[in-house]
Protein backbone atom coordinates (compact mmCIF):
# COMPACT_ATOMS: atom_id res chain seq x y z
CA MET A 1 -218.49 -90.36 -130.05
CA GLU A 2 -216.84 -87.67 -132.01
CA LEU A 3 -215.18 -88.52 -135.27
CA GLU A 4 -213.14 -85.84 -137.41
CA THR A 5 -212.48 -87.67 -140.58
CA LEU A 6 -215.58 -89.96 -141.14
CA THR A 7 -219.02 -90.53 -140.31
CA LEU A 8 -220.76 -93.49 -138.87
CA ASP A 9 -224.45 -94.58 -139.64
CA ILE A 10 -226.15 -97.51 -138.73
CA ALA A 11 -229.53 -98.46 -140.30
CA ASP A 12 -231.31 -101.69 -141.30
CA GLY A 13 -228.54 -104.01 -139.83
CA ILE A 14 -225.80 -102.20 -142.15
CA ALA A 15 -223.13 -99.71 -140.60
CA THR A 16 -221.92 -97.28 -143.24
CA VAL A 17 -218.61 -95.68 -142.49
CA THR A 18 -217.83 -92.78 -144.92
CA LEU A 19 -214.59 -91.02 -145.22
CA SER A 20 -215.52 -87.47 -145.50
CA ARG A 21 -212.50 -85.24 -146.26
CA GLY A 22 -213.23 -85.41 -149.95
CA ASP A 23 -211.92 -81.87 -150.41
CA ALA A 24 -208.46 -83.04 -149.09
CA LEU A 25 -208.69 -86.44 -151.10
CA ASN A 26 -209.44 -88.28 -147.56
CA THR A 27 -205.57 -88.25 -146.83
CA MET A 28 -204.97 -90.06 -143.47
CA ASN A 29 -204.32 -87.41 -141.19
CA ALA A 30 -203.48 -87.73 -137.35
CA ALA A 31 -207.18 -87.99 -136.52
CA PHE A 32 -207.97 -90.72 -139.15
CA TRP A 33 -205.87 -93.24 -137.24
CA THR A 34 -207.72 -93.09 -134.29
CA ASP A 35 -211.40 -92.33 -135.89
CA VAL A 36 -211.21 -95.70 -137.59
CA PRO A 37 -210.65 -97.91 -134.45
CA LYS A 38 -213.38 -95.63 -132.67
CA ALA A 39 -215.93 -96.47 -135.43
CA PHE A 40 -215.35 -100.18 -135.53
CA ALA A 41 -215.40 -100.40 -131.60
CA ALA A 42 -218.86 -98.88 -131.73
CA ILE A 43 -219.65 -101.31 -134.72
CA ASP A 44 -218.49 -104.40 -132.67
CA ALA A 45 -220.56 -103.20 -129.78
CA ALA A 46 -223.74 -102.89 -131.82
CA PRO A 47 -225.61 -105.98 -131.78
CA SER A 48 -227.80 -104.98 -134.80
CA VAL A 49 -224.87 -104.54 -137.11
CA ARG A 50 -224.72 -107.37 -139.60
CA ALA A 51 -222.50 -105.99 -142.16
CA VAL A 52 -220.36 -102.89 -143.04
CA VAL A 53 -219.92 -100.73 -145.83
CA ILE A 54 -216.79 -98.30 -145.87
CA ALA A 55 -217.52 -95.42 -148.61
CA SER A 56 -215.87 -92.35 -149.26
CA THR A 57 -216.45 -88.69 -150.84
CA GLY A 58 -215.34 -86.49 -153.32
CA LYS A 59 -213.06 -87.71 -156.62
CA HIS A 60 -210.85 -90.25 -154.86
CA PHE A 61 -211.43 -93.05 -152.15
CA THR A 62 -208.17 -91.70 -150.65
CA ALA A 63 -204.89 -90.51 -151.46
CA GLY A 64 -203.39 -92.18 -148.81
CA LEU A 65 -200.90 -91.18 -145.91
CA ASP A 66 -201.02 -87.30 -145.28
CA LEU A 67 -197.43 -86.72 -145.93
CA ASN A 68 -197.26 -83.24 -144.02
CA TRP A 69 -198.42 -85.26 -140.87
CA ALA A 70 -196.22 -88.22 -141.39
CA GLY A 71 -193.21 -85.95 -141.59
CA THR A 72 -193.88 -84.77 -137.91
CA THR A 73 -194.02 -88.28 -136.54
CA LEU A 74 -190.55 -89.16 -136.90
CA ALA A 75 -188.14 -89.16 -133.98
CA PRO A 76 -186.90 -85.70 -132.99
CA ALA A 77 -183.37 -84.66 -133.93
CA GLY A 78 -180.94 -85.35 -131.09
CA SER A 79 -182.84 -88.29 -129.69
CA ASP A 80 -181.08 -91.37 -128.77
CA PRO A 81 -181.18 -93.75 -131.85
CA GLY A 82 -182.02 -96.91 -130.06
CA ARG A 83 -184.84 -95.38 -128.13
CA ALA A 84 -186.01 -93.31 -131.29
CA ARG A 85 -186.28 -96.64 -133.19
CA GLU A 86 -188.04 -98.44 -130.40
CA ALA A 87 -190.71 -95.76 -130.30
CA PHE A 88 -191.00 -95.53 -134.03
CA ARG A 89 -191.51 -99.37 -134.17
CA ARG A 90 -194.58 -99.02 -131.33
CA HIS A 91 -195.91 -95.99 -133.72
CA VAL A 92 -196.11 -98.25 -136.60
CA HIS A 93 -197.85 -100.96 -134.36
CA THR A 94 -200.51 -98.38 -133.48
CA LEU A 95 -201.07 -97.46 -137.33
CA GLN A 96 -201.18 -101.21 -138.30
CA GLU A 97 -204.14 -101.58 -135.77
CA THR A 98 -206.28 -99.02 -137.62
CA PHE A 99 -206.59 -101.46 -140.42
CA SER A 100 -206.28 -104.66 -138.38
CA CYS A 101 -209.51 -103.73 -136.37
CA ILE A 102 -211.30 -103.87 -139.68
CA ASP A 103 -209.82 -107.23 -140.57
CA ARG A 104 -210.95 -108.55 -137.06
CA ALA A 105 -214.37 -107.05 -137.36
CA ARG A 106 -216.83 -109.64 -136.37
CA VAL A 107 -219.18 -108.93 -139.40
CA PRO A 108 -218.15 -108.73 -143.20
CA VAL A 109 -216.71 -105.34 -144.34
CA ILE A 110 -217.42 -104.30 -147.90
CA ALA A 111 -215.26 -101.28 -149.37
CA CYS A 112 -216.80 -99.07 -152.12
CA ILE A 113 -213.99 -97.59 -154.05
CA GLN A 114 -214.09 -94.42 -156.48
CA GLY A 115 -211.23 -92.87 -158.26
CA GLY A 116 -207.91 -93.53 -156.79
CA CYS A 117 -207.05 -95.72 -154.05
CA ILE A 118 -203.48 -94.85 -153.17
CA GLY A 119 -200.97 -95.92 -150.72
CA GLY A 120 -202.74 -96.50 -147.10
CA GLY A 121 -206.08 -96.78 -149.28
CA VAL A 122 -204.77 -100.33 -150.41
CA ASP A 123 -204.10 -101.41 -146.92
CA LEU A 124 -207.35 -100.28 -145.88
CA VAL A 125 -209.26 -102.28 -148.66
CA THR A 126 -207.27 -105.33 -148.47
CA ALA A 127 -208.30 -105.66 -144.84
CA CYS A 128 -211.88 -105.55 -145.98
CA ASP A 129 -213.77 -108.76 -146.89
CA LEU A 130 -215.16 -107.49 -150.27
CA ARG A 131 -214.57 -104.76 -152.73
CA VAL A 132 -216.88 -102.87 -155.08
CA GLY A 133 -215.38 -100.09 -157.29
CA THR A 134 -216.32 -97.89 -160.14
CA ALA A 135 -215.17 -98.35 -163.78
CA ASP A 136 -212.49 -95.54 -163.27
CA CYS A 137 -211.20 -96.74 -159.89
CA PHE A 138 -207.51 -97.92 -159.50
CA PHE A 139 -205.08 -98.98 -156.94
CA THR A 140 -201.57 -97.99 -156.41
CA VAL A 141 -198.98 -99.44 -153.85
CA GLN A 142 -197.76 -96.06 -153.63
CA GLU A 143 -195.10 -96.46 -150.77
CA VAL A 144 -192.28 -97.69 -153.15
CA ASN A 145 -192.51 -94.37 -155.10
CA ILE A 146 -191.71 -92.58 -151.77
CA ALA A 147 -188.98 -94.97 -151.05
CA ILE A 148 -190.81 -96.71 -148.00
CA VAL A 149 -191.71 -100.29 -147.62
CA ALA A 150 -195.43 -100.59 -147.17
CA ASP A 151 -195.77 -101.45 -143.39
CA VAL A 152 -199.40 -101.24 -142.40
CA GLY A 153 -201.09 -104.39 -144.15
CA THR A 154 -200.88 -104.22 -147.76
CA LEU A 155 -197.83 -106.61 -148.07
CA GLN A 156 -199.26 -109.06 -145.56
CA ARG A 157 -202.76 -109.19 -146.88
CA ILE A 158 -202.76 -108.81 -150.60
CA PRO A 159 -200.82 -112.16 -151.24
CA HIS A 160 -203.93 -113.72 -150.09
CA LEU A 161 -205.90 -111.89 -152.72
CA LEU A 162 -203.67 -111.85 -155.94
CA PRO A 163 -201.09 -114.07 -157.37
CA GLN A 164 -197.63 -113.75 -156.25
CA GLY A 165 -196.18 -112.66 -159.45
CA LEU A 166 -198.79 -109.76 -159.84
CA VAL A 167 -198.45 -108.89 -156.14
CA ARG A 168 -194.48 -108.23 -156.74
CA GLU A 169 -195.10 -106.28 -159.78
CA LEU A 170 -197.25 -103.93 -157.98
CA ALA A 171 -195.19 -103.50 -154.99
CA TYR A 172 -192.02 -103.10 -156.93
CA THR A 173 -193.15 -100.77 -159.47
CA GLY A 174 -195.84 -98.80 -157.89
CA ARG A 175 -197.97 -98.83 -160.92
CA ARG A 176 -201.60 -98.43 -161.19
CA PHE A 177 -203.84 -101.31 -161.00
CA GLY A 178 -207.05 -100.42 -162.73
CA ALA A 179 -210.75 -101.73 -162.30
CA GLU A 180 -210.83 -103.87 -165.20
CA GLU A 181 -207.59 -105.79 -164.32
CA ALA A 182 -208.62 -105.67 -160.72
CA ALA A 183 -211.93 -107.43 -161.69
CA ARG A 184 -210.34 -109.92 -163.93
CA TYR A 185 -208.10 -111.29 -160.87
CA GLY A 186 -211.16 -111.30 -158.39
CA PHE A 187 -209.52 -108.29 -156.48
CA LEU A 188 -212.80 -106.24 -157.22
CA ASN A 189 -216.21 -108.28 -156.55
CA ARG A 190 -218.15 -105.89 -158.78
CA VAL A 191 -217.29 -103.02 -161.08
CA GLU A 192 -220.18 -100.40 -161.46
CA ALA A 193 -220.31 -97.47 -163.90
CA ASP A 194 -220.34 -94.70 -161.32
CA HIS A 195 -219.95 -93.85 -157.59
CA ALA A 196 -223.75 -94.04 -156.94
CA ALA A 197 -224.04 -97.27 -158.61
CA ALA A 198 -220.97 -98.89 -156.74
CA LEU A 199 -222.44 -97.72 -153.43
CA ALA A 200 -225.92 -99.26 -154.44
CA ALA A 201 -224.06 -102.45 -155.24
CA ALA A 202 -222.24 -102.36 -152.13
CA ARG A 203 -225.35 -101.92 -150.11
CA ALA A 204 -227.39 -104.48 -151.84
CA LEU A 205 -224.15 -106.89 -151.07
CA ALA A 206 -224.34 -105.82 -147.44
CA GLY A 207 -228.30 -106.51 -147.28
CA GLU A 208 -228.01 -109.92 -148.63
CA ILE A 209 -225.39 -110.77 -145.95
CA ALA A 210 -227.41 -109.21 -143.53
CA ALA A 211 -230.49 -111.40 -144.25
CA LYS A 212 -228.50 -114.59 -143.11
CA SER A 213 -227.74 -115.92 -139.77
CA PRO A 214 -225.44 -113.34 -137.91
CA LEU A 215 -224.09 -116.38 -135.90
CA ALA A 216 -223.24 -118.24 -139.15
CA ILE A 217 -221.93 -115.03 -140.73
CA THR A 218 -219.57 -114.07 -137.81
CA GLY A 219 -218.46 -117.92 -137.75
CA ILE A 220 -217.60 -118.07 -141.40
CA LYS A 221 -215.61 -114.90 -141.23
CA ALA A 222 -213.70 -116.19 -138.10
CA VAL A 223 -212.92 -119.55 -139.74
CA LEU A 224 -211.90 -117.95 -143.24
CA ASN A 225 -209.50 -115.54 -141.17
CA HIS A 226 -208.32 -118.29 -139.07
CA GLY A 227 -207.57 -120.64 -142.12
CA ARG A 228 -205.89 -117.86 -144.14
CA ASP A 229 -203.09 -117.60 -141.16
CA ALA A 230 -203.04 -121.36 -140.37
CA THR A 231 -202.30 -124.89 -141.89
CA ILE A 232 -205.14 -126.74 -143.56
CA ALA A 233 -205.20 -129.05 -140.42
CA GLN A 234 -205.30 -126.19 -137.75
CA GLY A 235 -207.94 -124.62 -139.97
CA LEU A 236 -210.17 -127.92 -139.97
CA ASP A 237 -209.88 -128.27 -136.28
CA TYR A 238 -210.79 -124.75 -135.72
CA VAL A 239 -214.03 -124.88 -137.44
CA ALA A 240 -215.02 -128.29 -135.96
CA THR A 241 -214.46 -126.59 -132.63
CA TRP A 242 -216.50 -123.61 -133.68
CA ASN A 243 -219.49 -125.45 -134.94
CA ALA A 244 -219.34 -127.74 -131.70
CA GLY A 245 -220.22 -124.91 -129.92
CA MET A 246 -222.25 -122.44 -132.37
CA LEU A 247 -224.37 -124.84 -133.87
CA GLN A 248 -225.95 -125.32 -130.41
CA GLY A 249 -227.98 -122.04 -130.98
CA GLY A 250 -231.38 -121.68 -132.49
CA ASP A 251 -230.38 -120.26 -136.12
CA LEU A 252 -230.28 -123.54 -137.83
CA ALA A 253 -233.70 -124.66 -136.51
CA GLU A 254 -235.10 -121.31 -137.84
CA ALA A 255 -233.20 -121.60 -141.27
CA ILE A 256 -234.69 -125.00 -141.82
CA ARG A 257 -237.99 -123.81 -140.53
CA ALA A 258 -238.09 -121.04 -142.97
CA GLN A 259 -237.12 -122.92 -146.06
CA ARG A 260 -240.03 -125.55 -145.12
CA ALA A 261 -242.29 -122.56 -145.03
CA LYS A 262 -240.82 -120.90 -147.96
CA GLU A 263 -240.62 -117.61 -146.14
CA PRO A 264 -237.49 -115.44 -145.13
CA ALA A 265 -235.78 -116.43 -141.90
CA ARG A 266 -235.98 -114.36 -138.92
CA TYR A 267 -232.80 -114.46 -136.80
CA ALA A 268 -231.98 -112.70 -133.65
CA ASP A 269 -229.25 -110.09 -133.48
CA LEU A 270 -225.96 -111.21 -131.86
CA LEU A 271 -225.20 -110.14 -128.32
CA PRO A 272 -223.28 -106.98 -127.64
């Protein structure tokens, strides 16, 4: 698998996806939008992976959309307006899938953010389960500053992570949302002094998750995601159905055995 804008490493049950264009501020060029789904398809197919860390390189996590590339994706002059708009709608759906595949990943995904997380970067990290940041990191819903309605996930996911009043302020003004404020509202799970410390904290969280039953973890994520998008009654029915099937596995017995023996549990990997 060839990736142009990021790297993928798997070790000790943890997949690390690293944005690798630090010199270009990790802007989201054409290759980025296909690299992420490729990486997450490989992660979902790897039975040993129990958690994912998304990290970055350089001064900033990402400066968001590569505007030079974006300008080339608009419909060509002279094309039929209706057909051009239909094609553009499908194009936006393709871009949305780049972050939806993170949201749907069967194991938890932890974002490790340093410096700026701008525009599409907010779409990316709101699709993750947890966020760890450096003390100098900040977030900007940048789209309003270039007269765009954010359309690849931020406006759909961030209302589940922050209060409505704050969401609207950030989306309407495009102001910086710093680490201290983000932690105060629970948007950041951890704030660390620098990038190395933040990465270590993200990996520690991933390791803690990886030690749990992978069947239970994937079930928790599935139930939480379902409940986010459903009524309470629908969510309760979903988790009842999930446990009716998945508790038939051996992980519950292993967890009880390990607790009684006062030793770490040993869980089998999920199937590919």
